[in-house]
N, C-alpha and C. Protein backbone atom coordinates (compact mmCIF):
# COMPACT_ATOMS: atom_id res chain seq x y z
N MET A 1 -25.99 14.46 6.28
CA MET A 1 -25.29 13.19 6.15
C MET A 1 -23.83 13.40 6.56
N PRO A 2 -23.28 12.55 7.42
CA PRO A 2 -21.89 12.72 7.86
C PRO A 2 -20.92 12.43 6.72
N SER A 3 -19.78 13.11 6.76
CA SER A 3 -18.78 12.85 5.73
C SER A 3 -18.05 11.55 6.05
N VAL A 4 -17.65 10.86 5.01
CA VAL A 4 -16.97 9.59 5.14
C VAL A 4 -15.57 9.73 4.55
N ASP A 5 -14.58 9.28 5.29
CA ASP A 5 -13.21 9.29 4.78
C ASP A 5 -13.07 8.12 3.80
N ARG A 6 -13.03 8.42 2.50
CA ARG A 6 -12.99 7.39 1.47
C ARG A 6 -11.77 6.50 1.61
N ARG A 7 -10.64 7.07 2.04
CA ARG A 7 -9.41 6.27 2.18
C ARG A 7 -9.63 5.16 3.22
N ALA A 8 -10.22 5.51 4.35
CA ALA A 8 -10.45 4.51 5.40
C ALA A 8 -11.46 3.47 4.92
N THR A 9 -12.50 3.92 4.24
CA THR A 9 -13.53 2.99 3.77
C THR A 9 -12.94 1.99 2.79
N ASN A 10 -12.12 2.45 1.85
CA ASN A 10 -11.52 1.54 0.87
C ASN A 10 -10.66 0.50 1.56
N SER A 11 -9.84 0.90 2.52
CA SER A 11 -8.97 -0.04 3.19
C SER A 11 -9.75 -1.05 4.02
N GLN A 12 -10.90 -0.64 4.54
CA GLN A 12 -11.69 -1.55 5.36
C GLN A 12 -12.34 -2.65 4.54
N ILE A 13 -12.67 -2.36 3.28
CA ILE A 13 -13.31 -3.38 2.47
C ILE A 13 -12.33 -4.09 1.54
N ALA A 14 -11.16 -3.52 1.37
CA ALA A 14 -10.16 -4.13 0.50
C ALA A 14 -9.55 -5.35 1.20
N ARG A 15 -9.06 -6.26 0.40
CA ARG A 15 -8.47 -7.50 0.91
C ARG A 15 -6.96 -7.33 1.05
N LEU A 16 -6.44 -7.70 2.19
CA LEU A 16 -5.00 -7.63 2.45
C LEU A 16 -4.28 -8.65 1.57
N ILE A 17 -3.25 -8.18 0.83
CA ILE A 17 -2.51 -9.10 -0.03
C ILE A 17 -1.03 -9.19 0.34
N TRP A 18 -0.54 -8.31 1.23
CA TRP A 18 0.86 -8.41 1.65
C TRP A 18 1.04 -7.80 3.02
N ASP A 19 1.65 -8.58 3.93
CA ASP A 19 1.92 -8.09 5.28
C ASP A 19 3.25 -8.62 5.82
N LYS A 20 4.12 -9.02 4.93
CA LYS A 20 5.42 -9.58 5.34
C LYS A 20 6.46 -8.48 5.52
N ARG A 21 7.55 -8.79 6.20
CA ARG A 21 8.63 -7.84 6.40
C ARG A 21 9.53 -7.72 5.17
N ARG A 22 9.55 -8.74 4.34
CA ARG A 22 10.42 -8.69 3.16
C ARG A 22 9.71 -7.97 2.00
N ASN A 23 10.43 -7.83 0.88
CA ASN A 23 9.87 -7.15 -0.28
C ASN A 23 8.71 -7.95 -0.87
N PRO A 24 7.69 -7.26 -1.36
CA PRO A 24 6.55 -7.95 -1.97
C PRO A 24 6.99 -8.78 -3.19
N THR A 25 6.31 -9.87 -3.39
CA THR A 25 6.63 -10.79 -4.48
C THR A 25 5.98 -10.33 -5.79
N LYS A 26 6.33 -11.03 -6.85
CA LYS A 26 5.73 -10.76 -8.15
C LYS A 26 4.22 -11.00 -8.10
N GLY A 27 3.79 -11.90 -7.26
CA GLY A 27 2.35 -12.15 -7.12
C GLY A 27 1.58 -10.92 -6.68
N VAL A 28 2.20 -10.09 -5.85
CA VAL A 28 1.55 -8.85 -5.40
C VAL A 28 1.43 -7.88 -6.57
N SER A 29 2.51 -7.68 -7.31
CA SER A 29 2.44 -6.77 -8.46
C SER A 29 1.46 -7.30 -9.51
N ASP A 30 1.41 -8.60 -9.68
CA ASP A 30 0.45 -9.18 -10.63
C ASP A 30 -0.99 -8.90 -10.19
N GLN A 31 -1.27 -9.03 -8.90
CA GLN A 31 -2.63 -8.75 -8.40
C GLN A 31 -3.00 -7.28 -8.59
N LEU A 32 -2.00 -6.41 -8.50
CA LEU A 32 -2.25 -4.97 -8.67
C LEU A 32 -2.20 -4.57 -10.15
N ARG A 33 -1.85 -5.52 -11.01
CA ARG A 33 -1.76 -5.32 -12.46
C ARG A 33 -0.73 -4.25 -12.83
N ILE A 34 0.43 -4.34 -12.17
CA ILE A 34 1.56 -3.46 -12.48
C ILE A 34 2.82 -4.31 -12.51
N GLU A 35 3.90 -3.73 -13.02
CA GLU A 35 5.19 -4.41 -13.04
C GLU A 35 5.80 -4.38 -11.64
N ARG A 36 6.65 -5.35 -11.36
CA ARG A 36 7.26 -5.42 -10.03
C ARG A 36 8.10 -4.18 -9.73
N TRP A 37 8.83 -3.66 -10.73
CA TRP A 37 9.66 -2.48 -10.51
C TRP A 37 8.78 -1.27 -10.18
N GLN A 38 7.57 -1.21 -10.76
CA GLN A 38 6.65 -0.12 -10.45
C GLN A 38 6.18 -0.21 -9.01
N LEU A 39 5.94 -1.42 -8.54
CA LEU A 39 5.54 -1.63 -7.16
C LEU A 39 6.64 -1.18 -6.21
N ARG A 40 7.88 -1.60 -6.49
CA ARG A 40 9.01 -1.20 -5.63
C ARG A 40 9.14 0.32 -5.56
N GLU A 41 9.07 0.99 -6.72
CA GLU A 41 9.19 2.45 -6.74
C GLU A 41 8.05 3.12 -6.00
N ALA A 42 6.83 2.62 -6.18
CA ALA A 42 5.67 3.21 -5.51
C ALA A 42 5.79 3.07 -4.00
N ILE A 43 6.21 1.91 -3.52
CA ILE A 43 6.39 1.72 -2.08
C ILE A 43 7.46 2.67 -1.55
N HIS A 44 8.55 2.82 -2.29
CA HIS A 44 9.62 3.73 -1.87
C HIS A 44 9.08 5.17 -1.75
N LYS A 45 8.31 5.61 -2.74
CA LYS A 45 7.74 6.97 -2.71
C LYS A 45 6.79 7.15 -1.52
N ILE A 46 5.95 6.15 -1.29
CA ILE A 46 4.98 6.24 -0.19
C ILE A 46 5.70 6.28 1.15
N LYS A 47 6.70 5.43 1.33
CA LYS A 47 7.46 5.43 2.58
C LYS A 47 8.17 6.77 2.77
N ALA A 48 8.81 7.28 1.72
CA ALA A 48 9.52 8.56 1.82
C ALA A 48 8.57 9.70 2.17
N ALA A 49 7.39 9.71 1.56
CA ALA A 49 6.41 10.77 1.82
C ALA A 49 5.90 10.75 3.26
N ASN A 50 6.02 9.60 3.89
CA ASN A 50 5.55 9.45 5.27
C ASN A 50 6.69 9.33 6.27
N ASN A 51 7.89 9.71 5.82
CA ASN A 51 9.09 9.69 6.67
C ASN A 51 9.37 8.31 7.27
N LEU A 52 9.16 7.28 6.47
CA LEU A 52 9.44 5.92 6.90
C LEU A 52 10.68 5.42 6.18
N GLY A 53 11.46 4.61 6.87
CA GLY A 53 12.65 4.04 6.28
C GLY A 53 12.36 2.73 5.57
N ALA A 54 13.38 2.21 4.93
CA ALA A 54 13.25 0.97 4.16
C ALA A 54 12.84 -0.20 5.04
N THR A 55 13.20 -0.18 6.31
CA THR A 55 12.91 -1.32 7.19
C THR A 55 11.51 -1.27 7.80
N HIS A 56 10.80 -0.17 7.63
CA HIS A 56 9.43 -0.07 8.15
C HIS A 56 8.51 -0.99 7.34
N ARG A 57 7.74 -1.77 8.05
CA ARG A 57 6.80 -2.70 7.41
C ARG A 57 5.53 -1.97 7.02
N VAL A 58 5.05 -2.25 5.81
CA VAL A 58 3.77 -1.71 5.35
C VAL A 58 2.89 -2.85 4.90
N LEU A 59 1.59 -2.61 4.92
CA LEU A 59 0.61 -3.59 4.48
C LEU A 59 0.01 -3.10 3.18
N ILE A 60 -0.19 -4.02 2.25
CA ILE A 60 -0.70 -3.67 0.93
C ILE A 60 -2.02 -4.40 0.70
N TYR A 61 -3.00 -3.66 0.17
CA TYR A 61 -4.33 -4.20 -0.07
C TYR A 61 -4.59 -4.30 -1.57
N ASP A 62 -5.56 -5.12 -1.94
CA ASP A 62 -5.79 -5.39 -3.35
C ASP A 62 -6.32 -4.19 -4.14
N ASP A 63 -6.72 -3.12 -3.48
CA ASP A 63 -7.11 -1.90 -4.18
C ASP A 63 -5.94 -0.92 -4.31
N GLY A 64 -4.75 -1.35 -3.86
CA GLY A 64 -3.55 -0.52 -3.95
C GLY A 64 -3.28 0.29 -2.69
N SER A 65 -4.19 0.28 -1.74
CA SER A 65 -3.99 1.02 -0.49
C SER A 65 -2.79 0.47 0.27
N VAL A 66 -2.09 1.37 0.94
CA VAL A 66 -0.95 1.00 1.77
C VAL A 66 -1.16 1.61 3.15
N THR A 67 -1.00 0.78 4.19
CA THR A 67 -1.11 1.26 5.56
C THR A 67 0.13 0.85 6.33
N ASP A 68 0.32 1.49 7.49
CA ASP A 68 1.39 1.04 8.37
C ASP A 68 0.83 -0.10 9.23
N GLU A 69 1.65 -0.60 10.14
CA GLU A 69 1.23 -1.75 10.96
C GLU A 69 0.04 -1.44 11.86
N GLU A 70 -0.16 -0.16 12.17
CA GLU A 70 -1.28 0.24 13.03
C GLU A 70 -2.55 0.51 12.23
N GLY A 71 -2.48 0.38 10.91
CA GLY A 71 -3.64 0.63 10.07
C GLY A 71 -3.77 2.05 9.57
N GLU A 72 -2.79 2.90 9.84
CA GLU A 72 -2.81 4.29 9.37
C GLU A 72 -2.58 4.31 7.85
N TRP A 73 -3.49 4.97 7.13
CA TRP A 73 -3.39 5.04 5.68
C TRP A 73 -2.18 5.87 5.28
N LEU A 74 -1.33 5.33 4.40
CA LEU A 74 -0.12 6.02 3.95
C LEU A 74 -0.21 6.51 2.52
N GLY A 75 -0.95 5.80 1.69
CA GLY A 75 -1.05 6.18 0.29
C GLY A 75 -1.64 5.03 -0.52
N ASN A 76 -1.57 5.21 -1.84
CA ASN A 76 -2.08 4.18 -2.74
C ASN A 76 -1.06 3.93 -3.84
N ILE A 77 -0.74 2.68 -4.07
CA ILE A 77 0.23 2.28 -5.09
C ILE A 77 -0.14 2.89 -6.44
N HIS A 78 -1.40 2.81 -6.81
CA HIS A 78 -1.83 3.29 -8.13
C HIS A 78 -1.65 4.78 -8.31
N ASP A 79 -1.66 5.55 -7.24
CA ASP A 79 -1.42 6.99 -7.33
C ASP A 79 0.05 7.30 -7.63
N GLU A 80 0.93 6.35 -7.38
CA GLU A 80 2.37 6.58 -7.55
C GLU A 80 2.92 5.97 -8.84
N VAL A 81 2.09 5.23 -9.56
CA VAL A 81 2.55 4.56 -10.80
C VAL A 81 2.29 5.47 -11.98
């Protein structure tokens, strides 16, 4: 049986909840069931770990997955909280 990259599979079935250039709203943190400050810190950690600056746009999915604009998996919000 071929191996499956779980990170890619999760992002493919997860629902996109944020793709804007500005900071995610309270609605995003509510969907992830975390505080807004936790979301901000988690995004900062994920961007730093991937050598991305504050202005780099990321996409957030309802399972906590974070990808760049090209769909490259960067991390998971829940792993950083």
